[in-house]
Amino acid sequence: MDVDKKQDIPWLCDKCKKELVLDKVKVRYLEGNFEVELLKCPGCNMVFIDEELATGKMLEVEKELEDK
């Protein structure tokens, strides 16, 4: 994921009010397991997936996996 490291305003968890941190998370889809770097809350471990990632790269991977 291409996270803008120069971002002035940090993303905050709505539940915990803690700043999200870039960390490796395990993603599972169909029969595939993947480890990717995403923003997540250090308190409750909720992961943030931005719109660009959800409608772009993740959608591409989803279509590829469903075609197999």
Protein backbone atom coordinates (compact mmCIF):
# COMPACT_ATOMS: atom_id res chain seq x y z
CA MET A 1 0.00 0.00 0.00
CA ASP A 2 1.30 3.42 -0.90
CA VAL A 3 0.64 5.45 2.25
CA ASP A 4 1.53 9.13 2.08
CA LYS A 5 4.22 9.40 4.76
CA LYS A 6 4.16 13.21 4.51
CA GLN A 7 0.55 13.32 5.65
CA ASP A 8 0.16 16.09 8.24
CA ILE A 9 -3.05 14.84 9.84
CA PRO A 10 -2.91 11.27 11.20
CA TRP A 11 -5.79 8.83 10.83
CA LEU A 12 -7.49 8.11 14.16
CA CYS A 13 -9.49 5.08 15.22
CA ASP A 14 -13.10 6.16 15.74
CA LYS A 15 -13.55 3.64 18.56
CA CYS A 16 -10.27 4.04 20.49
CA LYS A 17 -9.24 7.56 19.39
CA LYS A 18 -5.69 6.24 18.90
CA GLU A 19 -3.51 7.11 15.92
CA LEU A 20 -3.42 4.36 13.29
CA VAL A 21 -0.04 2.80 12.59
CA LEU A 22 1.30 1.09 9.49
CA ASP A 23 1.65 -2.61 10.31
CA LYS A 24 1.58 -6.01 8.63
CA VAL A 25 -1.85 -7.62 8.76
CA LYS A 26 -3.12 -10.97 7.56
CA VAL A 27 -5.82 -10.83 4.91
CA ARG A 28 -7.84 -13.86 3.91
CA TYR A 29 -9.98 -14.13 0.81
CA LEU A 30 -11.44 -17.34 -0.58
CA GLU A 31 -8.65 -19.90 -0.17
CA GLY A 32 -5.84 -17.33 -0.17
CA ASN A 33 -3.94 -15.91 2.79
CA PHE A 34 -1.92 -12.74 2.32
CA GLU A 35 0.22 -10.54 4.54
CA VAL A 36 0.13 -6.85 3.62
CA GLU A 37 0.99 -3.53 5.25
CA LEU A 38 -2.09 -1.52 6.16
CA LEU A 39 -3.03 1.13 8.69
CA LYS A 40 -4.43 -0.38 11.87
CA CYS A 41 -5.35 0.68 15.37
CA PRO A 42 -2.81 -0.40 18.00
CA GLY A 43 -5.63 -0.60 20.55
CA CYS A 44 -8.43 -2.63 18.97
CA ASN A 45 -6.55 -3.86 15.83
CA MET A 46 -9.25 -2.52 13.49
CA VAL A 47 -7.76 -2.18 9.99
CA PHE A 48 -8.32 0.81 7.73
CA ILE A 49 -8.71 0.10 4.00
CA ASP A 50 -9.02 3.30 2.00
CA GLU A 51 -11.34 3.65 -0.97
CA GLU A 52 -8.52 3.62 -3.53
CA LEU A 53 -7.21 0.30 -2.23
CA ALA A 54 -10.68 -1.25 -1.90
CA THR A 55 -11.84 -0.28 -5.38
CA GLY A 56 -8.47 -0.63 -7.06
CA LYS A 57 -5.88 -3.21 -6.13
CA MET A 58 -8.10 -5.34 -3.88
CA LEU A 59 -10.81 -5.49 -6.54
CA GLU A 60 -8.21 -6.64 -9.11
CA VAL A 61 -6.94 -9.38 -6.78
CA GLU A 62 -10.51 -10.42 -5.94
CA LYS A 63 -11.37 -10.84 -9.62
CA GLU A 64 -8.17 -12.80 -10.29
CA LEU A 65 -8.83 -15.17 -7.37
CA GLU A 66 -12.46 -15.73 -8.38
CA ASP A 67 -11.36 -16.60 -11.92
CA LYS A 68 -9.12 -19.42 -10.65
